[in-house]
Amino acid sequence: MIRLEKIRPEKTSPEKYSSSHNVAASLAATLVFTLTGCAHSPSFNVLGSYFPGWIACMVASILMTALVRFVLNRLQWEQQVPALPLFYFAMALLIACLIWLIVFE
């Protein structure tokens, strides 16, 4: 008959650093990695006030999407597009991302 004994983990030496040191180090690392995104703010000056770049990209993409809609109506191609709201939303999003990449990157 084989006897199974409880295996107790060996006691290890005290940790090299205290838990408060670990918390402080992880907080500092988190701040360093999150604040590096704030190095460059994509904004520009409009009449003395800084204006976020993403709003300008969205406004420009909506205007360009309206232009695309006008062209599609003139050529009578809009009737062939099956899901118009999805099509125009995707078009506006595509144009906004392209403007963002061209202007701010």
N, C-alpha and C. Protein backbone atom coordinates (compact mmCIF):
# COMPACT_ATOMS: atom_id res chain seq x y z
N MET A 1 0.83 -1.16 0.00
CA MET A 1 0.00 0.00 0.00
C MET A 1 0.89 1.24 0.00
N ILE A 2 0.57 2.19 -0.88
CA ILE A 2 1.37 3.41 -1.01
C ILE A 2 0.72 4.49 -0.18
N ARG A 3 1.53 5.13 0.62
CA ARG A 3 1.02 6.20 1.47
C ARG A 3 1.30 7.54 0.78
N LEU A 4 0.25 8.31 0.62
CA LEU A 4 0.38 9.64 0.03
C LEU A 4 0.47 10.65 1.16
N GLU A 5 1.52 11.39 1.17
CA GLU A 5 1.70 12.41 2.20
C GLU A 5 1.42 13.78 1.61
N LYS A 6 0.99 14.65 2.47
CA LYS A 6 0.77 16.02 2.02
C LYS A 6 2.12 16.67 1.77
N ILE A 7 2.22 17.29 0.65
CA ILE A 7 3.47 17.97 0.31
C ILE A 7 3.30 19.44 0.66
N ARG A 8 4.15 19.89 1.52
CA ARG A 8 4.11 21.29 1.92
C ARG A 8 5.12 22.07 1.10
N PRO A 9 4.71 23.23 0.62
CA PRO A 9 5.70 24.02 -0.12
C PRO A 9 6.77 24.53 0.83
N GLU A 10 7.97 24.57 0.30
CA GLU A 10 9.07 25.08 1.12
C GLU A 10 8.91 26.57 1.31
N LYS A 11 9.26 27.02 2.45
CA LYS A 11 9.18 28.45 2.71
C LYS A 11 10.32 29.14 1.98
N THR A 12 9.95 30.16 1.26
CA THR A 12 10.96 30.90 0.50
C THR A 12 11.44 32.08 1.32
N SER A 13 12.53 32.61 0.88
CA SER A 13 13.07 33.78 1.57
C SER A 13 12.16 34.97 1.32
N PRO A 14 12.19 35.97 2.18
CA PRO A 14 11.33 37.14 1.98
C PRO A 14 11.60 37.78 0.63
N GLU A 15 10.56 38.39 0.11
CA GLU A 15 10.70 39.02 -1.20
C GLU A 15 11.77 40.10 -1.16
N LYS A 16 12.36 40.28 -2.31
CA LYS A 16 13.44 41.26 -2.39
C LYS A 16 12.91 42.68 -2.23
N TYR A 17 11.71 42.93 -2.74
CA TYR A 17 11.12 44.27 -2.66
C TYR A 17 9.77 44.16 -1.96
N SER A 18 9.40 45.20 -1.29
CA SER A 18 8.12 45.19 -0.60
C SER A 18 6.98 45.40 -1.60
N SER A 19 5.76 45.12 -1.18
CA SER A 19 4.62 45.27 -2.08
C SER A 19 4.36 46.73 -2.44
N SER A 20 4.65 47.66 -1.53
CA SER A 20 4.45 49.07 -1.85
C SER A 20 5.43 49.52 -2.93
N HIS A 21 6.62 48.94 -2.94
CA HIS A 21 7.59 49.26 -4.00
C HIS A 21 7.09 48.73 -5.33
N ASN A 22 6.50 47.53 -5.33
CA ASN A 22 5.96 46.96 -6.57
C ASN A 22 4.81 47.80 -7.11
N VAL A 23 3.96 48.28 -6.22
CA VAL A 23 2.84 49.12 -6.64
C VAL A 23 3.35 50.43 -7.23
N ALA A 24 4.32 51.03 -6.57
CA ALA A 24 4.86 52.30 -7.07
C ALA A 24 5.55 52.12 -8.42
N ALA A 25 6.27 51.02 -8.58
CA ALA A 25 6.96 50.77 -9.85
C ALA A 25 5.96 50.52 -10.97
N SER A 26 4.90 49.77 -10.69
CA SER A 26 3.92 49.51 -11.74
C SER A 26 3.13 50.77 -12.08
N LEU A 27 2.86 51.62 -11.10
CA LEU A 27 2.18 52.89 -11.37
C LEU A 27 3.06 53.80 -12.23
N ALA A 28 4.34 53.86 -11.92
CA ALA A 28 5.26 54.68 -12.71
C ALA A 28 5.36 54.17 -14.14
N ALA A 29 5.41 52.85 -14.31
CA ALA A 29 5.49 52.28 -15.65
C ALA A 29 4.21 52.57 -16.43
N THR A 30 3.07 52.48 -15.77
CA THR A 30 1.80 52.77 -16.42
C THR A 30 1.74 54.23 -16.87
N LEU A 31 2.16 55.14 -16.01
CA LEU A 31 2.15 56.55 -16.37
C LEU A 31 3.08 56.85 -17.53
N VAL A 32 4.25 56.23 -17.53
CA VAL A 32 5.21 56.46 -18.61
C VAL A 32 4.62 56.01 -19.94
N PHE A 33 4.00 54.83 -19.96
CA PHE A 33 3.47 54.31 -21.22
C PHE A 33 2.21 55.03 -21.68
N THR A 34 1.39 55.53 -20.77
CA THR A 34 0.18 56.22 -21.19
C THR A 34 0.43 57.67 -21.56
N LEU A 35 1.39 58.31 -20.93
CA LEU A 35 1.63 59.72 -21.22
C LEU A 35 2.49 59.95 -22.45
N THR A 36 3.10 58.91 -22.99
CA THR A 36 3.89 59.10 -24.21
C THR A 36 3.00 59.42 -25.40
N GLY A 37 1.72 59.04 -25.33
CA GLY A 37 0.79 59.38 -26.40
C GLY A 37 0.47 60.86 -26.45
N CYS A 38 0.75 61.59 -25.39
CA CYS A 38 0.45 63.02 -25.32
C CYS A 38 1.60 63.88 -25.84
N ALA A 39 2.62 63.27 -26.41
CA ALA A 39 3.77 64.03 -26.86
C ALA A 39 3.42 64.94 -28.03
N HIS A 40 2.53 64.48 -28.90
CA HIS A 40 2.14 65.27 -30.07
C HIS A 40 0.62 65.34 -30.12
N SER A 41 0.10 66.53 -30.00
CA SER A 41 -1.34 66.72 -30.06
C SER A 41 -1.73 67.15 -31.47
N PRO A 42 -2.52 66.33 -32.17
CA PRO A 42 -2.91 66.70 -33.53
C PRO A 42 -4.00 67.76 -33.52
N SER A 43 -3.60 68.99 -33.27
CA SER A 43 -4.55 70.10 -33.29
C SER A 43 -3.91 71.27 -34.01
N PHE A 44 -4.75 72.20 -34.41
CA PHE A 44 -4.25 73.37 -35.12
C PHE A 44 -5.00 74.60 -34.65
N ASN A 45 -4.43 75.74 -34.90
CA ASN A 45 -4.95 77.00 -34.40
C ASN A 45 -6.00 77.56 -35.37
N VAL A 46 -7.20 77.80 -34.85
CA VAL A 46 -8.27 78.41 -35.64
C VAL A 46 -8.75 79.63 -34.87
N LEU A 47 -8.44 80.81 -35.35
CA LEU A 47 -8.84 82.06 -34.73
C LEU A 47 -8.44 82.13 -33.25
N GLY A 48 -7.25 81.68 -32.94
CA GLY A 48 -6.73 81.77 -31.59
C GLY A 48 -7.13 80.63 -30.68
N SER A 49 -7.89 79.67 -31.16
CA SER A 49 -8.31 78.54 -30.34
C SER A 49 -7.83 77.25 -31.01
N TYR A 50 -7.29 76.35 -30.21
CA TYR A 50 -6.80 75.08 -30.77
C TYR A 50 -7.98 74.16 -31.05
N PHE A 51 -7.99 73.59 -32.24
CA PHE A 51 -9.08 72.79 -32.74
C PHE A 51 -8.58 71.38 -32.96
N PRO A 52 -9.26 70.35 -32.42
CA PRO A 52 -8.78 68.97 -32.59
C PRO A 52 -8.79 68.53 -34.04
N GLY A 53 -7.78 67.80 -34.42
CA GLY A 53 -7.65 67.37 -35.80
C GLY A 53 -8.70 66.36 -36.22
N TRP A 54 -9.16 65.52 -35.30
CA TRP A 54 -10.13 64.50 -35.71
C TRP A 54 -11.47 65.12 -36.09
N ILE A 55 -11.82 66.25 -35.49
CA ILE A 55 -13.08 66.91 -35.86
C ILE A 55 -12.96 67.48 -37.27
N ALA A 56 -11.81 68.04 -37.58
CA ALA A 56 -11.59 68.58 -38.93
C ALA A 56 -11.64 67.45 -39.96
N CYS A 57 -11.08 66.30 -39.62
CA CYS A 57 -11.12 65.16 -40.54
C CYS A 57 -12.56 64.70 -40.78
N MET A 58 -13.36 64.66 -39.72
CA MET A 58 -14.74 64.22 -39.87
C MET A 58 -15.56 65.23 -40.69
N VAL A 59 -15.37 66.51 -40.44
CA VAL A 59 -16.11 67.53 -41.20
C VAL A 59 -15.72 67.45 -42.68
N ALA A 60 -14.43 67.35 -42.94
CA ALA A 60 -13.98 67.25 -44.34
C ALA A 60 -14.49 65.98 -45.00
N SER A 61 -14.53 64.87 -44.26
CA SER A 61 -15.00 63.62 -44.86
C SER A 61 -16.51 63.67 -45.12
N ILE A 62 -17.26 64.32 -44.25
CA ILE A 62 -18.70 64.44 -44.50
C ILE A 62 -18.96 65.30 -45.74
N LEU A 63 -18.19 66.38 -45.89
CA LEU A 63 -18.35 67.22 -47.09
C LEU A 63 -17.96 66.46 -48.35
N MET A 64 -16.88 65.69 -48.27
CA MET A 64 -16.46 64.93 -49.45
C MET A 64 -17.42 63.79 -49.76
N THR A 65 -18.02 63.20 -48.73
CA THR A 65 -19.02 62.15 -48.95
C THR A 65 -20.27 62.75 -49.61
N ALA A 66 -20.64 63.95 -49.22
CA ALA A 66 -21.77 64.63 -49.88
C ALA A 66 -21.45 64.88 -51.35
N LEU A 67 -20.20 65.23 -51.64
CA LEU A 67 -19.78 65.41 -53.03
C LEU A 67 -19.86 64.09 -53.80
N VAL A 68 -19.43 63.00 -53.18
CA VAL A 68 -19.53 61.69 -53.83
C VAL A 68 -20.99 61.33 -54.08
N ARG A 69 -21.88 61.63 -53.13
CA ARG A 69 -23.31 61.36 -53.32
C ARG A 69 -23.87 62.17 -54.48
N PHE A 70 -23.46 63.43 -54.58
CA PHE A 70 -23.91 64.26 -55.69
C PHE A 70 -23.47 63.67 -57.03
N VAL A 71 -22.22 63.24 -57.10
CA VAL A 71 -21.69 62.65 -58.34
C VAL A 71 -22.43 61.36 -58.69
N LEU A 72 -22.67 60.52 -57.66
CA LEU A 72 -23.37 59.26 -57.91
C LEU A 72 -24.81 59.50 -58.38
N ASN A 73 -25.45 60.53 -57.84
CA ASN A 73 -26.80 60.87 -58.29
C ASN A 73 -26.79 61.39 -59.72
N ARG A 74 -25.82 62.21 -60.07
CA ARG A 74 -25.74 62.76 -61.43
C ARG A 74 -25.51 61.65 -62.46
N LEU A 75 -24.69 60.66 -62.07
CA LEU A 75 -24.41 59.55 -62.98
C LEU A 75 -25.47 58.45 -62.89
N GLN A 76 -26.43 58.60 -62.00
CA GLN A 76 -27.50 57.64 -61.74
C GLN A 76 -26.96 56.26 -61.36
N TRP A 77 -25.90 56.25 -60.56
CA TRP A 77 -25.32 55.00 -60.06
C TRP A 77 -25.78 54.70 -58.64
N GLU A 78 -26.39 55.67 -57.98
CA GLU A 78 -26.78 55.47 -56.59
C GLU A 78 -27.85 54.39 -56.46
N GLN A 79 -28.68 54.19 -57.47
CA GLN A 79 -29.73 53.18 -57.41
C GLN A 79 -29.15 51.77 -57.39
N GLN A 80 -27.92 51.60 -57.82
CA GLN A 80 -27.31 50.27 -57.88
C GLN A 80 -26.63 49.87 -56.57
N VAL A 81 -26.51 50.81 -55.63
CA VAL A 81 -25.88 50.51 -54.34
C VAL A 81 -26.95 49.92 -53.43
N PRO A 82 -26.74 48.70 -52.88
CA PRO A 82 -27.81 48.05 -52.13
C PRO A 82 -28.09 48.64 -50.75
N ALA A 83 -27.09 48.99 -49.97
CA ALA A 83 -27.29 49.49 -48.60
C ALA A 83 -26.71 50.89 -48.51
N LEU A 84 -27.51 51.87 -48.86
CA LEU A 84 -27.02 53.25 -48.93
C LEU A 84 -26.51 53.80 -47.59
N PRO A 85 -27.22 53.65 -46.46
CA PRO A 85 -26.67 54.19 -45.21
C PRO A 85 -25.32 53.58 -44.84
N LEU A 86 -25.20 52.28 -45.01
CA LEU A 86 -23.92 51.62 -44.71
C LEU A 86 -22.84 52.06 -45.68
N PHE A 87 -23.19 52.21 -46.94
CA PHE A 87 -22.24 52.64 -47.95
C PHE A 87 -21.69 54.04 -47.64
N TYR A 88 -22.59 54.97 -47.32
CA TYR A 88 -22.14 56.34 -47.06
C TYR A 88 -21.40 56.46 -45.73
N PHE A 89 -21.79 55.67 -44.74
CA PHE A 89 -21.04 55.66 -43.48
C PHE A 89 -19.62 55.14 -43.70
N ALA A 90 -19.50 54.05 -44.45
CA ALA A 90 -18.18 53.49 -44.74
C ALA A 90 -17.35 54.45 -45.58
N MET A 91 -18.00 55.14 -46.51
CA MET A 91 -17.29 56.12 -47.34
C MET A 91 -16.76 57.27 -46.50
N ALA A 92 -17.59 57.78 -45.59
CA ALA A 92 -17.15 58.88 -44.73
C ALA A 92 -16.02 58.43 -43.81
N LEU A 93 -16.11 57.23 -43.27
CA LEU A 93 -15.06 56.71 -42.40
C LEU A 93 -13.75 56.51 -43.17
N LEU A 94 -13.84 55.97 -44.36
CA LEU A 94 -12.65 55.78 -45.19
C LEU A 94 -11.98 57.11 -45.53
N ILE A 95 -12.77 58.09 -45.92
CA ILE A 95 -12.20 59.40 -46.27
C ILE A 95 -11.59 60.06 -45.03
N ALA A 96 -12.25 59.95 -43.87
CA ALA A 96 -11.71 60.55 -42.64
C ALA A 96 -10.37 59.91 -42.26
N CYS A 97 -10.28 58.60 -42.37
CA CYS A 97 -9.01 57.93 -42.05
C CYS A 97 -7.91 58.30 -43.04
N LEU A 98 -8.26 58.42 -44.30
CA LEU A 98 -7.25 58.82 -45.29
C LEU A 98 -6.77 60.24 -45.05
N ILE A 99 -7.69 61.15 -44.73
CA ILE A 99 -7.28 62.52 -44.43
C ILE A 99 -6.38 62.54 -43.21
N TRP A 100 -6.73 61.78 -42.18
CA TRP A 100 -5.92 61.71 -40.97
C TRP A 100 -4.51 61.23 -41.29
N LEU A 101 -4.40 60.17 -42.08
CA LEU A 101 -3.08 59.63 -42.41
C LEU A 101 -2.27 60.59 -43.27
N ILE A 102 -2.91 61.27 -44.18
CA ILE A 102 -2.19 62.17 -45.07
C ILE A 102 -1.76 63.44 -44.34
N VAL A 103 -2.64 64.03 -43.54
CA VAL A 103 -2.37 65.33 -42.94
C VAL A 103 -1.57 65.21 -41.63
N PHE A 104 -1.95 64.28 -40.76
CA PHE A 104 -1.37 64.26 -39.42
C PHE A 104 -0.28 63.22 -39.21
N GLU A 105 0.05 62.44 -40.16
CA GLU A 105 1.11 61.45 -39.95
C GLU A 105 2.34 61.80 -40.76
